[in-house]
Amino acid sequence: MRRSQRTTAAIVLATSALLLSGCSTSRDKVMLPPLAVHGALGVVEVGPVHLTVERLYPVGAKVQQGGIATLIGTGNPPDLATNAETQVLRAPVERADLRIILTVAEGMYRIVGRRSAGISTVADLRGKRIATSIQSSSGYFLHLMLARGGMTFADVTVVDVMPYKAMVDALKNGEVDAISIWEPHSENAMRALGSDAVELPGQGVYRELFNLNTTAATLSDPAKRAQIVQFVRELIDTTDAMNRDPRRAQELVAAAGGYSLEEVAASWRHHAFTANFPDDMLDVMVDEEIWLAALQQRAPRSRDELARLIDRTVYDEARARPR
């Protein structure tokens, strides 16, 4: 056996032995080199991932800025990256090696508008100026909400406002009439408008599936896969503890996203931190693929093709692993 082969085999055996032992002390956990974990640092949903990295890895390890784009980009891709399900579908069709391995959180979206702009129902959005990010989960949510009122994007004026937090001032200053965006920006808009704010909730219409993602190549590496199973197991346990006491996770989100703790805490209730695998994920993606394919002017992929982007085996292994 070559030296490199012996080294790889030794790493795999050591990793497997540690994981099978069921050890959970911090001293045991740091024996493994940290996985490279990326996430959108400006969103609240990444909270339990921040907390898992802090609990699992040595001091100084952090979630780095990035998402699906960093998994498929050139250079040095991470081992794991978070994003809404929309971003997996937005990736080039030929990147069929992407894998969703866990839903970290579900985002409960709403449209926030100004009463003074004549908005009180979804039907009142016709002809209005709405800020959103079209090819994102918030854009898909807006599409579904408009459809409830018999409308499409052609019936409103979509305004591009960047950075996303600037949507709050644009709404308050009358530059747009409504916004469709994730937290904490929607909550900040509600607070900024006060009595002029109107909320159009999306319960039963759509909820964002904010997922943990990797690639088939990463999962094919036995040592990396063992580490990922360990990370997912820790994320499940961390989420359970965090749901009882979210303070530390909120602090990490605030620090990483440049928000106040008050902003993050106020918007926390618009999320369900689940660390699970929803049964309807494929159904959500099939419907969303049709919408996104039309925007990208391409043919939608089949249900079977989309199913290959979902891999729940890591989740099942992590659940089976003793605490």
Protein backbone atom coordinates (compact mmCIF):
# COMPACT_ATOMS: atom_id res chain seq x y z
CA MET A 1 0.00 0.00 0.00
CA ARG A 2 1.34 3.42 -0.93
CA ARG A 3 2.14 5.90 1.81
CA SER A 4 -0.72 8.24 0.75
CA GLN A 5 -3.13 5.33 0.75
CA ARG A 6 -1.97 4.25 4.22
CA THR A 7 -2.42 7.81 5.49
CA THR A 8 -5.95 8.09 4.09
CA ALA A 9 -6.88 4.70 5.52
CA ALA A 10 -5.56 5.71 8.92
CA ILE A 11 -7.60 8.92 8.90
CA VAL A 12 -10.75 7.03 7.95
CA LEU A 13 -10.21 4.40 10.67
CA ALA A 14 -9.48 7.01 13.33
CA THR A 15 -12.50 9.07 12.32
CA SER A 16 -14.80 6.07 12.31
CA ALA A 17 -13.54 4.87 15.68
CA LEU A 18 -14.20 8.26 17.25
CA LEU A 19 -17.69 8.52 15.82
CA LEU A 20 -18.63 4.97 16.77
CA SER A 21 -17.46 5.54 20.33
CA GLY A 22 -20.30 8.01 20.84
CA CYS A 23 -17.98 10.36 22.70
CA SER A 24 -19.43 13.85 23.14
CA THR A 25 -16.90 15.75 25.21
CA SER A 26 -15.40 18.87 23.71
CA ARG A 27 -11.91 17.32 23.96
CA ASP A 28 -12.97 14.40 21.75
CA LYS A 29 -14.77 16.63 19.23
CA VAL A 30 -11.78 18.82 18.45
CA MET A 31 -9.67 15.78 17.47
CA LEU A 32 -11.19 16.13 13.99
CA PRO A 33 -10.14 19.11 11.84
CA PRO A 34 -13.06 21.48 11.41
CA LEU A 35 -15.21 21.22 8.32
CA ALA A 36 -15.33 24.35 6.18
CA VAL A 37 -18.87 25.67 6.65
CA HIS A 38 -20.32 28.58 4.65
CA GLY A 39 -23.60 30.40 5.10
CA ALA A 40 -25.40 33.63 4.29
CA LEU A 41 -24.33 35.65 7.30
CA GLY A 42 -27.08 38.23 6.85
CA VAL A 43 -29.97 35.83 7.57
CA VAL A 44 -31.42 34.69 10.87
CA GLU A 45 -31.88 31.07 9.74
CA VAL A 46 -28.16 30.38 10.04
CA GLY A 47 -28.28 30.74 13.85
CA PRO A 48 -28.09 27.06 14.81
CA VAL A 49 -25.24 26.52 12.33
CA HIS A 50 -23.24 29.29 14.02
CA LEU A 51 -23.92 27.67 17.37
CA THR A 52 -22.99 24.19 16.16
CA VAL A 53 -19.64 25.39 14.83
CA GLU A 54 -18.96 27.13 18.14
CA ARG A 55 -19.85 24.03 20.17
CA LEU A 56 -18.16 21.47 17.93
CA TYR A 57 -14.92 23.13 16.91
CA PRO A 58 -12.03 24.97 18.57
CA VAL A 59 -12.19 28.62 19.49
CA GLY A 60 -11.87 30.77 16.40
CA ALA A 61 -13.71 28.51 13.97
CA LYS A 62 -16.57 30.40 12.30
CA VAL A 63 -19.18 30.09 9.59
CA GLN A 64 -17.81 31.91 6.56
CA GLN A 65 -19.84 34.03 4.14
CA GLY A 66 -21.18 32.05 1.19
CA GLY A 67 -23.77 29.57 0.01
CA ILE A 68 -24.48 27.28 -2.91
CA ALA A 69 -22.40 29.55 -5.15
CA THR A 70 -19.28 28.71 -3.13
CA LEU A 71 -19.94 24.97 -3.42
CA ILE A 72 -19.95 25.13 -7.20
CA GLY A 73 -17.43 27.90 -7.72
CA THR A 74 -13.79 27.52 -8.60
CA GLY A 75 -11.04 27.67 -6.03
CA ASN A 76 -11.43 26.12 -2.60
CA PRO A 77 -15.07 25.10 -2.06
CA PRO A 78 -16.35 24.50 1.47
CA ASP A 79 -17.54 21.13 2.76
CA LEU A 80 -20.99 22.46 3.71
CA ALA A 81 -23.04 25.50 2.75
CA THR A 82 -26.46 26.78 3.74
CA ASN A 83 -29.09 28.31 1.46
CA ALA A 84 -32.79 28.24 0.72
CA GLU A 85 -33.95 25.48 -1.64
CA THR A 86 -34.28 28.06 -4.41
CA GLN A 87 -30.52 28.39 -4.72
CA VAL A 88 -30.01 24.70 -5.43
CA LEU A 89 -32.50 25.04 -8.26
CA ARG A 90 -30.78 28.21 -9.51
CA ALA A 91 -27.44 26.43 -9.83
CA PRO A 92 -26.43 25.38 -13.35
CA VAL A 93 -28.49 22.37 -14.43
CA GLU A 94 -25.32 20.41 -15.16
CA ARG A 95 -24.36 20.61 -11.48
CA ALA A 96 -26.41 17.56 -10.63
CA ASP A 97 -23.84 16.69 -7.93
CA LEU A 98 -25.32 19.15 -5.40
CA ARG A 99 -26.99 17.51 -2.42
CA ILE A 100 -29.47 18.79 0.16
CA ILE A 101 -28.76 16.86 3.36
CA LEU A 102 -30.83 18.62 6.05
CA THR A 103 -33.37 21.38 6.57
CA VAL A 104 -31.93 23.70 9.20
CA ALA A 105 -34.94 26.00 9.47
CA GLU A 106 -38.19 27.04 7.86
CA GLY A 107 -38.71 30.75 7.19
CA MET A 108 -42.22 32.12 7.59
CA TYR A 109 -42.45 34.89 5.01
CA ARG A 110 -44.82 37.86 4.72
CA ILE A 111 -45.21 40.91 2.53
CA VAL A 112 -44.91 44.21 4.40
CA GLY A 113 -46.58 47.23 2.84
CA ARG A 114 -47.69 50.78 3.61
CA ARG A 115 -51.35 51.40 4.41
CA SER A 116 -50.84 54.92 3.09
CA ALA A 117 -50.07 53.38 -0.32
CA GLY A 118 -53.57 51.87 -0.37
CA ILE A 119 -52.55 48.35 0.60
CA SER A 120 -54.71 46.26 2.88
CA THR A 121 -55.06 42.98 0.94
CA VAL A 122 -53.08 41.02 -1.65
CA ALA A 123 -55.39 42.36 -4.37
CA ASP A 124 -54.18 45.88 -3.56
CA LEU A 125 -50.66 45.00 -4.75
CA ARG A 126 -51.72 45.40 -8.37
CA GLY A 127 -49.80 48.28 -9.92
CA LYS A 128 -47.65 48.77 -6.82
CA ARG A 129 -43.86 49.02 -6.52
CA ILE A 130 -42.50 46.01 -4.64
CA ALA A 131 -38.90 45.43 -3.59
CA THR A 132 -37.71 41.83 -3.62
CA SER A 133 -34.95 39.56 -4.86
CA ILE A 134 -36.67 37.88 -7.80
CA GLN A 135 -34.64 34.66 -8.22
CA SER A 136 -34.71 33.83 -4.52
CA SER A 137 -37.05 32.32 -1.97
CA SER A 138 -38.54 35.78 -1.35
CA GLY A 139 -39.17 36.23 -5.06
CA TYR A 140 -40.87 32.85 -5.25
CA PHE A 141 -43.00 33.76 -2.26
CA LEU A 142 -44.05 37.00 -3.95
CA HIS A 143 -44.91 35.05 -7.12
CA LEU A 144 -47.20 32.73 -5.12
CA MET A 145 -48.82 35.58 -3.22
CA LEU A 146 -49.53 37.49 -6.43
CA ALA A 147 -51.00 34.34 -7.96
CA ARG A 148 -53.51 34.23 -5.09
CA GLY A 149 -54.78 37.57 -6.30
CA GLY A 150 -54.83 36.50 -9.95
CA MET A 151 -51.64 38.43 -10.73
CA THR A 152 -48.11 37.88 -12.02
CA PHE A 153 -44.93 39.96 -11.88
CA ALA A 154 -46.27 41.77 -14.95
CA ASP A 155 -49.00 43.31 -12.78
CA VAL A 156 -46.55 45.00 -10.39
CA THR A 157 -43.30 46.93 -10.65
CA VAL A 158 -40.43 44.97 -9.11
CA VAL A 159 -37.77 47.30 -7.72
CA ASP A 160 -34.21 46.14 -7.13
CA VAL A 161 -32.96 47.55 -3.83
CA MET A 162 -29.53 46.62 -2.52
CA PRO A 163 -28.28 45.96 0.04
CA TYR A 164 -31.34 44.12 1.33
CA LYS A 165 -31.47 46.09 4.56
CA ALA A 166 -31.94 49.27 2.45
CA MET A 167 -35.43 48.01 1.59
CA VAL A 168 -36.61 49.19 4.99
CA ASP A 169 -35.68 52.83 4.29
CA ALA A 170 -37.00 52.56 0.71
CA LEU A 171 -40.37 51.47 2.08
CA LYS A 172 -40.44 54.07 4.85
CA ASN A 173 -39.45 56.87 2.46
CA GLY A 174 -42.10 55.98 -0.11
CA GLU A 175 -39.67 54.76 -2.79
CA VAL A 176 -41.52 51.43 -2.83
CA ASP A 177 -44.98 50.46 -1.64
CA ALA A 178 -44.21 47.00 -0.26
CA ILE A 179 -41.34 44.57 0.27
CA SER A 180 -41.03 40.81 0.09
CA ILE A 181 -37.84 39.75 1.84
CA TRP A 182 -36.52 37.56 4.63
CA GLU A 183 -35.78 38.50 8.22
CA PRO A 184 -34.79 40.60 10.00
CA HIS A 185 -35.66 43.10 7.27
CA SER A 186 -39.40 42.41 7.28
CA GLU A 187 -39.60 42.82 11.05
CA ASN A 188 -37.51 45.98 10.86
CA ALA A 189 -39.92 47.33 8.23
CA MET A 190 -42.92 46.62 10.45
CA ARG A 191 -41.29 48.44 13.33
CA ALA A 192 -40.15 51.37 11.15
CA LEU A 193 -43.62 51.95 9.69
CA GLY A 194 -45.49 51.61 12.95
CA SER A 195 -49.22 52.20 12.47
CA ASP A 196 -48.73 52.63 8.70
CA ALA A 197 -47.54 49.02 8.36
CA VAL A 198 -49.69 46.27 6.89
CA GLU A 199 -48.66 42.63 6.94
CA LEU A 200 -49.79 40.14 4.30
CA PRO A 201 -48.87 36.75 5.83
CA GLY A 202 -47.96 33.68 3.81
CA GLN A 203 -49.17 30.87 6.07
CA GLY A 204 -50.35 28.01 3.91
CA VAL A 205 -48.85 29.59 0.79
CA TYR A 206 -45.14 28.95 1.19
CA ARG A 207 -42.44 28.53 3.76
CA GLU A 208 -38.76 28.74 2.92
CA LEU A 209 -36.73 25.56 3.40
CA PHE A 210 -33.31 26.72 4.56
CA ASN A 211 -31.05 23.75 3.98
CA LEU A 212 -27.59 22.39 4.67
CA ASN A 213 -25.96 21.41 1.38
CA THR A 214 -22.87 19.62 0.12
CA THR A 215 -21.76 17.72 -2.99
CA ALA A 216 -21.80 14.07 -3.98
CA ALA A 217 -18.01 14.15 -4.25
CA THR A 218 -17.65 15.32 -0.65
CA LEU A 219 -20.03 12.62 0.57
CA SER A 220 -18.06 9.97 -1.36
CA ASP A 221 -15.01 10.67 0.81
CA PRO A 222 -15.40 8.33 3.83
CA ALA A 223 -13.55 10.61 6.23
CA LYS A 224 -15.48 13.71 5.18
CA ARG A 225 -18.76 11.85 5.30
CA ALA A 226 -18.05 10.70 8.85
CA GLN A 227 -17.36 14.29 9.86
CA ILE A 228 -20.53 15.50 8.17
CA VAL A 229 -22.60 12.87 9.96
CA GLN A 230 -21.06 14.08 13.22
CA PHE A 231 -21.82 17.71 12.32
CA VAL A 232 -25.45 16.93 11.48
CA ARG A 233 -25.88 14.96 14.72
CA GLU A 234 -24.48 17.91 16.67
CA LEU A 235 -26.68 20.33 14.71
CA ILE A 236 -29.79 18.33 15.62
CA ASP A 237 -28.86 18.34 19.30
CA THR A 238 -27.79 21.99 19.24
CA THR A 239 -31.08 23.02 17.64
CA ASP A 240 -33.02 21.22 20.35
CA ALA A 241 -31.07 23.07 23.06
CA MET A 242 -31.25 26.36 21.16
CA ASN A 243 -35.03 26.19 20.89
CA ARG A 244 -35.15 26.15 24.69
CA ASP A 245 -32.68 29.03 25.06
CA PRO A 246 -31.90 30.94 21.84
CA ARG A 247 -29.89 33.77 23.39
CA ARG A 248 -26.39 32.63 22.35
CA ALA A 249 -27.47 31.80 18.81
CA GLN A 250 -29.11 35.21 18.52
CA GLU A 251 -25.88 36.85 19.67
CA LEU A 252 -23.90 34.99 17.01
CA VAL A 253 -26.38 35.96 14.27
CA ALA A 254 -26.27 39.60 15.35
CA ALA A 255 -22.48 39.69 15.40
CA ALA A 256 -22.08 37.96 12.02
CA GLY A 257 -24.82 39.93 10.26
CA GLY A 258 -24.09 43.35 11.70
CA TYR A 259 -27.44 43.58 13.50
CA SER A 260 -28.43 44.52 17.00
CA LEU A 261 -29.46 41.71 19.32
CA GLU A 262 -32.88 43.36 19.57
CA GLU A 263 -33.38 43.12 15.77
CA VAL A 264 -32.54 39.43 15.71
CA ALA A 265 -34.58 38.55 18.78
CA ALA A 266 -37.65 40.40 17.46
CA SER A 267 -37.59 38.47 14.17
CA TRP A 268 -36.78 35.06 15.70
CA ARG A 269 -40.44 34.02 15.95
CA HIS A 270 -40.81 34.07 12.17
CA HIS A 271 -38.73 30.91 11.90
CA ALA A 272 -39.14 27.28 12.83
CA PHE A 273 -35.74 25.80 13.64
CA THR A 274 -36.37 22.18 12.79
CA ALA A 275 -33.10 20.35 11.93
CA ASN A 276 -35.08 17.67 10.13
CA PHE A 277 -36.06 16.45 6.67
CA PRO A 278 -39.56 17.57 5.62
CA ASP A 279 -41.55 14.97 3.71
CA ASP A 280 -42.75 17.49 1.12
CA MET A 281 -39.34 18.84 0.10
CA LEU A 282 -39.46 17.24 -3.34
CA ASP A 283 -43.01 18.49 -3.92
CA VAL A 284 -41.92 22.04 -3.06
CA MET A 285 -38.96 21.81 -5.40
CA VAL A 286 -40.98 20.40 -8.31
CA ASP A 287 -43.41 23.33 -8.21
CA GLU A 288 -40.64 25.86 -7.70
CA GLU A 289 -38.58 24.42 -10.56
CA ILE A 290 -41.38 25.15 -13.04
CA TRP A 291 -41.45 28.82 -11.97
CA LEU A 292 -37.67 29.23 -11.93
CA ALA A 293 -37.15 27.44 -15.26
CA ALA A 294 -39.54 29.93 -16.87
CA LEU A 295 -37.53 32.84 -15.45
CA GLN A 296 -34.30 31.29 -16.70
CA GLN A 297 -35.86 30.44 -20.07
CA ARG A 298 -35.02 26.75 -19.91
CA ALA A 299 -36.92 23.49 -19.71
CA PRO A 300 -37.85 22.40 -16.16
CA ARG A 301 -36.18 19.27 -14.85
CA SER A 302 -38.22 16.16 -14.15
CA ARG A 303 -39.26 15.02 -10.70
CA ASP A 304 -36.71 12.18 -10.89
CA GLU A 305 -33.92 14.60 -11.78
CA LEU A 306 -34.81 16.84 -8.85
CA ALA A 307 -35.04 13.87 -6.50
CA ARG A 308 -31.34 13.20 -7.10
CA LEU A 309 -30.52 16.57 -5.51
CA ILE A 310 -31.95 15.33 -2.20
CA ASP A 311 -29.95 12.92 -0.03
CA ARG A 312 -31.38 12.15 3.40
CA THR A 313 -28.95 9.31 4.19
CA VAL A 314 -26.68 11.58 6.24
CA TYR A 315 -29.66 12.73 8.29
CA ASP A 316 -30.79 9.13 8.82
CA GLU A 317 -27.29 8.08 9.89
CA ALA A 318 -27.00 11.04 12.24
CA ARG A 319 -30.38 10.25 13.82
CA ALA A 320 -29.32 6.64 14.32
CA ARG A 321 -26.07 7.61 15.97
CA PRO A 322 -26.23 7.34 19.78
CA ARG A 323 -26.24 10.63 21.68
